[in-house]
Each structure stands twice: as structure tokens, then as C-alpha cells.
N, C-alpha and C. Protein backbone atom coordinates (compact mmCIF):
# COMPACT_ATOMS: atom_id res chain seq x y z
N MET A 1 24.17 18.47 10.26
CA MET A 1 24.62 19.64 9.56
C MET A 1 26.11 19.88 9.80
N CYS A 2 26.54 19.77 11.05
CA CYS A 2 27.96 20.04 11.36
C CYS A 2 28.87 19.08 10.62
N MET A 3 28.48 17.82 10.57
CA MET A 3 29.33 16.82 9.93
C MET A 3 29.46 17.06 8.44
N SER A 4 28.41 17.58 7.81
CA SER A 4 28.49 17.83 6.37
C SER A 4 29.25 19.12 6.06
N LEU A 5 29.34 20.03 7.01
CA LEU A 5 30.04 21.30 6.79
C LEU A 5 31.53 21.25 7.09
N LEU A 6 31.90 20.47 8.07
CA LEU A 6 33.28 20.49 8.57
C LEU A 6 34.05 19.28 8.08
N LYS A 7 35.37 19.42 8.06
CA LYS A 7 36.22 18.43 7.41
C LYS A 7 36.34 17.10 8.16
N ASP A 8 36.43 17.15 9.49
CA ASP A 8 36.59 15.90 10.23
C ASP A 8 35.61 15.82 11.40
N SER A 9 35.47 14.62 11.93
CA SER A 9 34.48 14.40 12.98
C SER A 9 34.87 15.08 14.29
N THR A 10 36.15 15.24 14.57
CA THR A 10 36.58 15.90 15.80
C THR A 10 36.12 17.36 15.81
N THR A 11 36.34 18.05 14.73
CA THR A 11 35.92 19.45 14.63
C THR A 11 34.40 19.55 14.67
N SER A 12 33.73 18.66 13.98
CA SER A 12 32.28 18.66 13.94
C SER A 12 31.68 18.41 15.33
N GLN A 13 32.23 17.46 16.06
CA GLN A 13 31.74 17.17 17.41
C GLN A 13 32.02 18.33 18.37
N GLY A 14 33.18 18.95 18.22
CA GLY A 14 33.49 20.11 19.06
C GLY A 14 32.55 21.27 18.81
N PHE A 15 32.28 21.56 17.54
CA PHE A 15 31.37 22.64 17.19
C PHE A 15 29.94 22.31 17.62
N GLY A 16 29.53 21.07 17.43
CA GLY A 16 28.20 20.64 17.87
C GLY A 16 28.05 20.75 19.38
N GLY A 17 29.09 20.35 20.12
CA GLY A 17 29.07 20.49 21.58
C GLY A 17 28.97 21.93 22.02
N LEU A 18 29.67 22.81 21.31
CA LEU A 18 29.59 24.24 21.62
C LEU A 18 28.18 24.77 21.38
N LEU A 19 27.56 24.38 20.28
CA LEU A 19 26.18 24.81 20.00
C LEU A 19 25.21 24.32 21.06
N ILE A 20 25.35 23.08 21.47
CA ILE A 20 24.46 22.52 22.50
C ILE A 20 24.66 23.23 23.82
N ALA A 21 25.91 23.47 24.19
CA ALA A 21 26.18 24.15 25.47
C ALA A 21 25.63 25.58 25.47
N MET A 22 25.81 26.31 24.38
CA MET A 22 25.29 27.67 24.30
C MET A 22 23.77 27.68 24.31
N THR A 23 23.16 26.73 23.63
CA THR A 23 21.70 26.65 23.62
C THR A 23 21.17 26.36 25.01
N ALA A 24 21.80 25.43 25.71
CA ALA A 24 21.36 25.09 27.06
C ALA A 24 21.57 26.26 28.03
N LEU A 25 22.69 26.93 27.91
CA LEU A 25 23.01 28.03 28.81
C LEU A 25 22.06 29.20 28.65
N PHE A 26 21.72 29.52 27.42
CA PHE A 26 20.92 30.70 27.15
C PHE A 26 19.46 30.39 26.83
N SER A 27 18.97 29.21 27.19
CA SER A 27 17.57 28.90 26.93
C SER A 27 16.63 29.56 27.94
N GLY A 28 17.15 29.92 29.10
CA GLY A 28 16.32 30.53 30.12
C GLY A 28 16.18 29.68 31.36
N VAL A 29 16.76 28.49 31.36
CA VAL A 29 16.69 27.61 32.53
C VAL A 29 17.84 27.90 33.48
N LEU A 30 19.06 27.84 32.98
CA LEU A 30 20.23 28.06 33.83
C LEU A 30 20.39 29.54 34.20
N ILE A 31 20.20 30.40 33.22
CA ILE A 31 20.24 31.84 33.45
C ILE A 31 18.89 32.38 32.98
N ARG A 32 18.12 32.94 33.89
CA ARG A 32 16.80 33.46 33.52
C ARG A 32 16.95 34.63 32.54
N PRO A 33 16.01 34.78 31.62
CA PRO A 33 16.12 35.82 30.58
C PRO A 33 16.30 37.23 31.13
N GLN A 34 15.65 37.52 32.25
CA GLN A 34 15.76 38.88 32.80
C GLN A 34 17.14 39.14 33.39
N HIS A 35 17.96 38.10 33.57
CA HIS A 35 19.31 38.27 34.12
C HIS A 35 20.40 38.22 33.04
N ILE A 36 20.01 38.00 31.79
CA ILE A 36 20.95 38.03 30.68
C ILE A 36 20.98 39.46 30.16
N SER A 37 22.15 40.07 30.23
CA SER A 37 22.21 41.46 29.79
C SER A 37 23.51 41.73 29.03
N GLY A 38 23.55 42.89 28.46
CA GLY A 38 24.76 43.32 27.78
C GLY A 38 25.08 42.51 26.54
N PHE A 39 26.33 42.12 26.44
CA PHE A 39 26.84 41.45 25.26
C PHE A 39 26.11 40.14 24.95
N TRP A 40 25.71 39.38 25.96
CA TRP A 40 25.15 38.05 25.76
C TRP A 40 23.68 38.03 25.40
N THR A 41 23.04 39.18 25.29
CA THR A 41 21.63 39.22 24.93
C THR A 41 21.39 38.60 23.55
N PHE A 42 22.35 38.78 22.64
CA PHE A 42 22.18 38.22 21.30
C PHE A 42 22.06 36.69 21.36
N ALA A 43 22.78 36.06 22.29
CA ALA A 43 22.75 34.60 22.39
C ALA A 43 21.36 34.10 22.81
N TYR A 44 20.72 34.84 23.68
CA TYR A 44 19.37 34.47 24.12
C TYR A 44 18.41 34.47 22.93
N TRP A 45 18.53 35.47 22.06
CA TRP A 45 17.61 35.57 20.92
C TRP A 45 18.03 34.71 19.74
N LEU A 46 19.30 34.34 19.65
CA LEU A 46 19.79 33.58 18.51
C LEU A 46 19.59 32.08 18.66
N PHE A 47 19.96 31.53 19.80
CA PHE A 47 19.90 30.08 19.97
C PHE A 47 18.47 29.61 20.21
N SER A 48 18.18 28.42 19.74
CA SER A 48 16.79 27.94 19.68
C SER A 48 16.21 27.48 21.01
N GLY A 49 17.02 27.27 22.03
CA GLY A 49 16.51 26.71 23.28
C GLY A 49 15.42 27.52 23.94
N HIS A 50 15.54 28.83 23.91
CA HIS A 50 14.51 29.62 24.59
C HIS A 50 13.19 29.60 23.83
N TYR A 51 13.22 29.44 22.52
CA TYR A 51 11.99 29.35 21.76
C TYR A 51 11.25 28.04 22.07
N VAL A 52 12.00 26.97 22.21
CA VAL A 52 11.42 25.68 22.58
C VAL A 52 10.85 25.75 24.00
N LEU A 53 11.64 26.26 24.93
CA LEU A 53 11.21 26.33 26.33
C LEU A 53 9.98 27.23 26.48
N GLU A 54 10.00 28.38 25.85
CA GLU A 54 8.85 29.29 25.95
C GLU A 54 7.60 28.65 25.35
N GLY A 55 7.75 28.02 24.21
CA GLY A 55 6.60 27.36 23.59
C GLY A 55 6.03 26.25 24.47
N LEU A 56 6.90 25.45 25.06
CA LEU A 56 6.43 24.37 25.93
C LEU A 56 5.75 24.90 27.19
N LEU A 57 6.40 25.84 27.86
CA LEU A 57 5.85 26.36 29.12
C LEU A 57 4.55 27.13 28.90
N MET A 58 4.51 27.95 27.87
CA MET A 58 3.31 28.76 27.66
C MET A 58 2.15 27.91 27.18
N SER A 59 2.40 26.92 26.36
CA SER A 59 1.29 26.06 25.92
C SER A 59 0.80 25.18 27.07
N GLN A 60 1.65 24.88 28.03
CA GLN A 60 1.25 24.06 29.16
C GLN A 60 0.54 24.88 30.24
N TYR A 61 1.02 26.08 30.52
CA TYR A 61 0.52 26.84 31.67
C TYR A 61 -0.31 28.06 31.33
N TYR A 62 -0.63 28.29 30.07
CA TYR A 62 -1.48 29.42 29.70
C TYR A 62 -2.87 29.22 30.29
N GLN A 63 -3.35 30.19 31.00
CA GLN A 63 -4.66 30.17 31.67
C GLN A 63 -4.79 29.01 32.66
N ASP A 64 -3.69 28.59 33.24
CA ASP A 64 -3.71 27.54 34.26
C ASP A 64 -3.87 28.20 35.63
N ASP A 65 -4.99 27.95 36.27
CA ASP A 65 -5.30 28.57 37.56
C ASP A 65 -4.96 27.67 38.75
N THR A 66 -4.10 26.72 38.55
CA THR A 66 -3.67 25.87 39.66
C THR A 66 -3.01 26.73 40.73
N PRO A 67 -3.49 26.64 41.98
CA PRO A 67 -2.92 27.50 43.02
C PRO A 67 -1.51 27.06 43.42
N ILE A 68 -0.62 28.04 43.57
CA ILE A 68 0.75 27.78 44.00
C ILE A 68 1.06 28.70 45.17
N LEU A 69 1.45 28.11 46.28
CA LEU A 69 1.86 28.89 47.44
C LEU A 69 3.31 29.32 47.26
N PRO A 70 3.59 30.60 47.41
CA PRO A 70 4.95 31.08 47.18
C PRO A 70 5.87 30.76 48.36
N SER A 71 7.14 30.59 48.06
CA SER A 71 8.16 30.37 49.10
C SER A 71 8.74 31.72 49.50
N LEU A 72 8.98 31.86 50.77
CA LEU A 72 9.52 33.10 51.32
C LEU A 72 10.86 33.44 50.67
N GLY A 73 11.01 34.69 50.26
CA GLY A 73 12.26 35.17 49.69
C GLY A 73 12.40 35.03 48.20
N THR A 74 11.37 34.54 47.52
CA THR A 74 11.44 34.40 46.07
C THR A 74 10.75 35.58 45.39
N PRO A 75 11.06 35.84 44.14
CA PRO A 75 10.34 36.90 43.43
C PRO A 75 8.83 36.63 43.34
N PHE A 76 8.47 35.36 43.27
CA PHE A 76 7.05 35.01 43.22
C PHE A 76 6.36 35.37 44.54
N TYR A 77 7.06 35.20 45.65
CA TYR A 77 6.53 35.59 46.97
C TYR A 77 6.26 37.09 46.99
N ASP A 78 7.23 37.87 46.52
CA ASP A 78 7.06 39.32 46.49
C ASP A 78 5.89 39.72 45.60
N TYR A 79 5.74 39.04 44.48
CA TYR A 79 4.65 39.34 43.55
C TYR A 79 3.29 39.03 44.19
N VAL A 80 3.18 37.85 44.78
CA VAL A 80 1.89 37.42 45.36
C VAL A 80 1.51 38.30 46.53
N TYR A 81 2.46 38.58 47.42
CA TYR A 81 2.13 39.35 48.61
C TYR A 81 1.99 40.84 48.32
N ALA A 82 2.23 41.27 47.10
CA ALA A 82 1.96 42.65 46.69
C ALA A 82 0.55 42.80 46.14
N GLN A 83 -0.17 41.68 45.96
CA GLN A 83 -1.54 41.72 45.44
C GLN A 83 -2.48 42.32 46.47
N PRO A 84 -3.55 42.99 46.04
CA PRO A 84 -4.49 43.63 46.97
C PRO A 84 -5.13 42.67 47.98
N GLU A 85 -5.38 41.41 47.58
CA GLU A 85 -5.98 40.44 48.50
C GLU A 85 -5.10 40.22 49.73
N CYS A 86 -3.80 40.19 49.51
CA CYS A 86 -2.87 39.96 50.61
C CYS A 86 -2.58 41.25 51.36
N GLN A 87 -2.62 42.38 50.68
CA GLN A 87 -2.37 43.66 51.33
C GLN A 87 -3.49 44.01 52.30
N ALA A 88 -4.71 43.50 52.02
CA ALA A 88 -5.86 43.80 52.89
C ALA A 88 -5.70 43.17 54.27
N GLN A 89 -4.89 42.13 54.36
CA GLN A 89 -4.64 41.47 55.65
C GLN A 89 -3.39 42.11 56.25
N LEU A 90 -3.57 43.12 57.02
CA LEU A 90 -2.45 43.93 57.48
C LEU A 90 -1.50 43.20 58.41
N ALA A 91 -2.02 42.53 59.41
CA ALA A 91 -1.15 41.96 60.44
C ALA A 91 -0.42 40.71 59.94
N GLU A 92 -1.14 39.66 59.75
CA GLU A 92 -0.53 38.37 59.39
C GLU A 92 -1.25 37.82 58.16
N PRO A 93 -0.64 37.86 56.97
CA PRO A 93 -1.31 37.33 55.78
C PRO A 93 -1.59 35.84 55.91
N ASP A 94 -2.77 35.44 55.49
CA ASP A 94 -3.17 34.03 55.53
C ASP A 94 -2.62 33.34 54.29
N PRO A 95 -1.77 32.32 54.47
CA PRO A 95 -1.20 31.64 53.30
C PRO A 95 -2.27 30.98 52.42
N GLN A 96 -3.40 30.66 52.98
CA GLN A 96 -4.45 30.02 52.18
C GLN A 96 -5.13 31.03 51.25
N LEU A 97 -5.06 32.32 51.59
CA LEU A 97 -5.65 33.35 50.74
C LEU A 97 -4.62 33.99 49.82
N CYS A 98 -3.37 33.93 50.20
CA CYS A 98 -2.31 34.56 49.42
C CYS A 98 -1.56 33.49 48.62
N TYR A 99 -2.08 33.23 47.45
CA TYR A 99 -1.42 32.29 46.55
C TYR A 99 -1.52 32.82 45.14
N GLY A 100 -0.65 32.32 44.29
CA GLY A 100 -0.67 32.71 42.88
C GLY A 100 -1.10 31.53 42.03
N THR A 101 -1.15 31.74 40.75
CA THR A 101 -1.51 30.67 39.83
C THR A 101 -0.26 30.19 39.10
N ALA A 102 -0.39 29.06 38.42
CA ALA A 102 0.74 28.52 37.65
C ALA A 102 1.13 29.48 36.53
N GLU A 103 0.15 30.12 35.91
CA GLU A 103 0.45 31.08 34.85
C GLU A 103 1.23 32.28 35.41
N GLU A 104 0.85 32.75 36.58
CA GLU A 104 1.56 33.86 37.20
C GLU A 104 2.98 33.46 37.60
N PHE A 105 3.13 32.22 38.04
CA PHE A 105 4.46 31.73 38.42
C PHE A 105 5.41 31.77 37.23
N ILE A 106 4.94 31.32 36.06
CA ILE A 106 5.77 31.36 34.85
C ILE A 106 6.07 32.80 34.47
N TYR A 107 5.07 33.66 34.55
CA TYR A 107 5.26 35.08 34.22
C TYR A 107 6.34 35.71 35.09
N VAL A 108 6.26 35.48 36.40
CA VAL A 108 7.22 36.08 37.33
C VAL A 108 8.58 35.42 37.20
N SER A 109 8.62 34.10 37.07
CA SER A 109 9.90 33.38 37.00
C SER A 109 10.74 33.80 35.81
N PHE A 110 10.11 34.12 34.71
CA PHE A 110 10.84 34.50 33.50
C PHE A 110 10.76 35.99 33.23
N GLY A 111 10.49 36.76 34.25
CA GLY A 111 10.53 38.22 34.15
C GLY A 111 9.55 38.84 33.17
N GLY A 112 8.46 38.13 32.90
CA GLY A 112 7.46 38.64 31.96
C GLY A 112 7.86 38.50 30.50
N LEU A 113 8.98 37.86 30.23
CA LEU A 113 9.46 37.71 28.85
C LEU A 113 8.85 36.52 28.13
N PHE A 114 8.29 35.57 28.87
CA PHE A 114 7.61 34.44 28.25
C PHE A 114 6.11 34.74 28.26
N THR A 115 5.53 34.93 27.07
CA THR A 115 4.11 35.22 26.98
C THR A 115 3.45 34.33 25.93
N TRP A 116 2.15 34.20 26.05
CA TRP A 116 1.37 33.38 25.12
C TRP A 116 1.43 33.95 23.71
N ASP A 117 1.53 35.26 23.59
CA ASP A 117 1.56 35.91 22.28
C ASP A 117 2.78 35.52 21.46
N HIS A 118 3.84 35.06 22.09
CA HIS A 118 5.07 34.70 21.38
C HIS A 118 5.03 33.30 20.77
N VAL A 119 4.08 32.47 21.16
CA VAL A 119 4.07 31.06 20.73
C VAL A 119 4.04 30.91 19.21
N PRO A 120 3.21 31.65 18.47
CA PRO A 120 3.26 31.49 17.00
C PRO A 120 4.62 31.91 16.41
N TYR A 121 5.22 32.94 16.97
CA TYR A 121 6.53 33.38 16.49
C TYR A 121 7.61 32.36 16.83
N ASN A 122 7.48 31.71 17.98
CA ASN A 122 8.41 30.64 18.33
C ASN A 122 8.33 29.52 17.30
N PHE A 123 7.11 29.15 16.94
CA PHE A 123 6.92 28.10 15.94
C PHE A 123 7.54 28.50 14.60
N LEU A 124 7.30 29.74 14.18
CA LEU A 124 7.86 30.20 12.91
C LEU A 124 9.38 30.23 12.93
N TYR A 125 9.96 30.68 14.05
CA TYR A 125 11.42 30.70 14.16
C TYR A 125 11.98 29.28 14.06
N LEU A 126 11.39 28.36 14.80
CA LEU A 126 11.88 26.98 14.79
C LEU A 126 11.68 26.33 13.43
N LEU A 127 10.57 26.62 12.77
CA LEU A 127 10.35 26.09 11.42
C LEU A 127 11.39 26.65 10.45
N GLY A 128 11.65 27.95 10.54
CA GLY A 128 12.67 28.57 9.69
C GLY A 128 14.05 27.99 9.95
N LEU A 129 14.37 27.76 11.21
CA LEU A 129 15.66 27.17 11.56
C LEU A 129 15.78 25.76 11.01
N PHE A 130 14.70 25.00 11.08
CA PHE A 130 14.68 23.64 10.54
C PHE A 130 14.93 23.65 9.03
N VAL A 131 14.23 24.52 8.34
CA VAL A 131 14.39 24.61 6.88
C VAL A 131 15.82 25.06 6.53
N LEU A 132 16.33 26.04 7.27
CA LEU A 132 17.69 26.52 7.02
C LEU A 132 18.73 25.41 7.23
N THR A 133 18.61 24.66 8.31
CA THR A 133 19.59 23.59 8.56
C THR A 133 19.49 22.50 7.50
N LYS A 134 18.28 22.19 7.05
CA LYS A 134 18.13 21.19 5.99
C LYS A 134 18.77 21.69 4.69
N PHE A 135 18.58 22.97 4.38
CA PHE A 135 19.18 23.53 3.16
C PHE A 135 20.70 23.56 3.26
N VAL A 136 21.23 24.00 4.40
CA VAL A 136 22.68 24.06 4.58
C VAL A 136 23.28 22.66 4.49
N THR A 137 22.62 21.67 5.08
CA THR A 137 23.10 20.29 5.01
C THR A 137 23.11 19.80 3.57
N TRP A 138 22.02 20.03 2.84
CA TRP A 138 21.96 19.62 1.44
C TRP A 138 23.06 20.30 0.63
N TYR A 139 23.20 21.60 0.81
CA TYR A 139 24.21 22.36 0.07
C TYR A 139 25.62 21.84 0.37
N ALA A 140 25.91 21.60 1.64
CA ALA A 140 27.24 21.13 2.02
C ALA A 140 27.51 19.73 1.46
N LEU A 141 26.52 18.86 1.51
CA LEU A 141 26.70 17.51 0.97
C LEU A 141 26.88 17.54 -0.55
N ASP A 142 26.21 18.48 -1.20
CA ASP A 142 26.29 18.57 -2.65
C ASP A 142 27.58 19.25 -3.13
N ARG A 143 28.06 20.25 -2.42
CA ARG A 143 29.17 21.08 -2.89
C ARG A 143 30.54 20.75 -2.32
N PHE A 144 30.59 20.29 -1.07
CA PHE A 144 31.87 20.07 -0.44
C PHE A 144 32.31 18.61 -0.58
N ASN A 145 33.57 18.44 -0.94
CA ASN A 145 34.14 17.11 -1.06
C ASN A 145 35.48 17.14 -0.38
N TYR A 146 35.59 16.48 0.77
CA TYR A 146 36.82 16.51 1.54
C TYR A 146 37.69 15.28 1.31
N LEU A 147 37.35 14.48 0.30
CA LEU A 147 38.17 13.31 0.00
C LEU A 147 39.51 13.74 -0.62
N ALA A 148 40.55 13.12 -0.18
CA ALA A 148 41.88 13.41 -0.74
C ALA A 148 42.00 12.67 -2.07
N LYS A 149 42.31 13.41 -3.12
CA LYS A 149 42.43 12.77 -4.45
C LYS A 149 43.85 12.86 -4.93
């Protein structure tokens, strides 16, 4: 799409690199969604990386009861040790009884913003983006002519 819209390959590669960098930065891996605030919130919702990541993680870990022992000092540790099962052990919590699931780990790691209910909307957004880029590419190839005459 970039190559058909822009006049030369240098500009196209620069713009494409910028899109890739912004998508990677705001997908939720480098900066978790709950820590993106203020002006940059639009980037989290605009760029496609978070829709792909959420769809992959939620389809993989939805209703996954694989036990995960939390590491001390992490938000997942705070979440697990706040559960009633762990609170009942007043003196020294037993690590074998105080564990979370893979689904809970994803929920806590992404601040509750990644949910199974979003998966169909992620698919629709990505499908719409695909159709839009195909249309823009077709339009640019049909209408723009950068040949010097």
C-alpha cells in the first residue's frame, strides 16, 4: 500500500517503518495497555497490533486452567494472594495452594483489557483494515502516476 501511495521507495520505506514501529510499540507487549494513557491512547486503539495480540492470546488461553505460580512482586502475585484460598492461610501461604490459572495471568497482565468477548470485534476490525488497504492500494495504482512525462 505504501509503495503505491508514495512517490519514491525511500519515502515509502520510511513511512512503512514508522507504521511497523508504532504498531509494535502500542500492541500491548512493550507497553501494557493499562499503562498507555493520555494522548497516546488513540494509538493503542488505532494500530492493528493489539487486535492481533488480543485475538491470539484470548483464543489460546480462554478457559485455560493450567496452574501458574506467581513470582513475588508482580501484579499477578498480588492478585493471587488476594484470593480467599490464600487469605485463609494467615501465617505462611502454601505456594502449592496459592496459584492462578493461565487465563487469570492474561487477565491480570493486560489489566483486564484483553477479554474473550473482544475476539469477534478484533476479527471484524482486522477484516475491515484488510479490505481498506486493498481498496486504497487499488485506488492508488489506478489513479496515481508518478512517471515523469
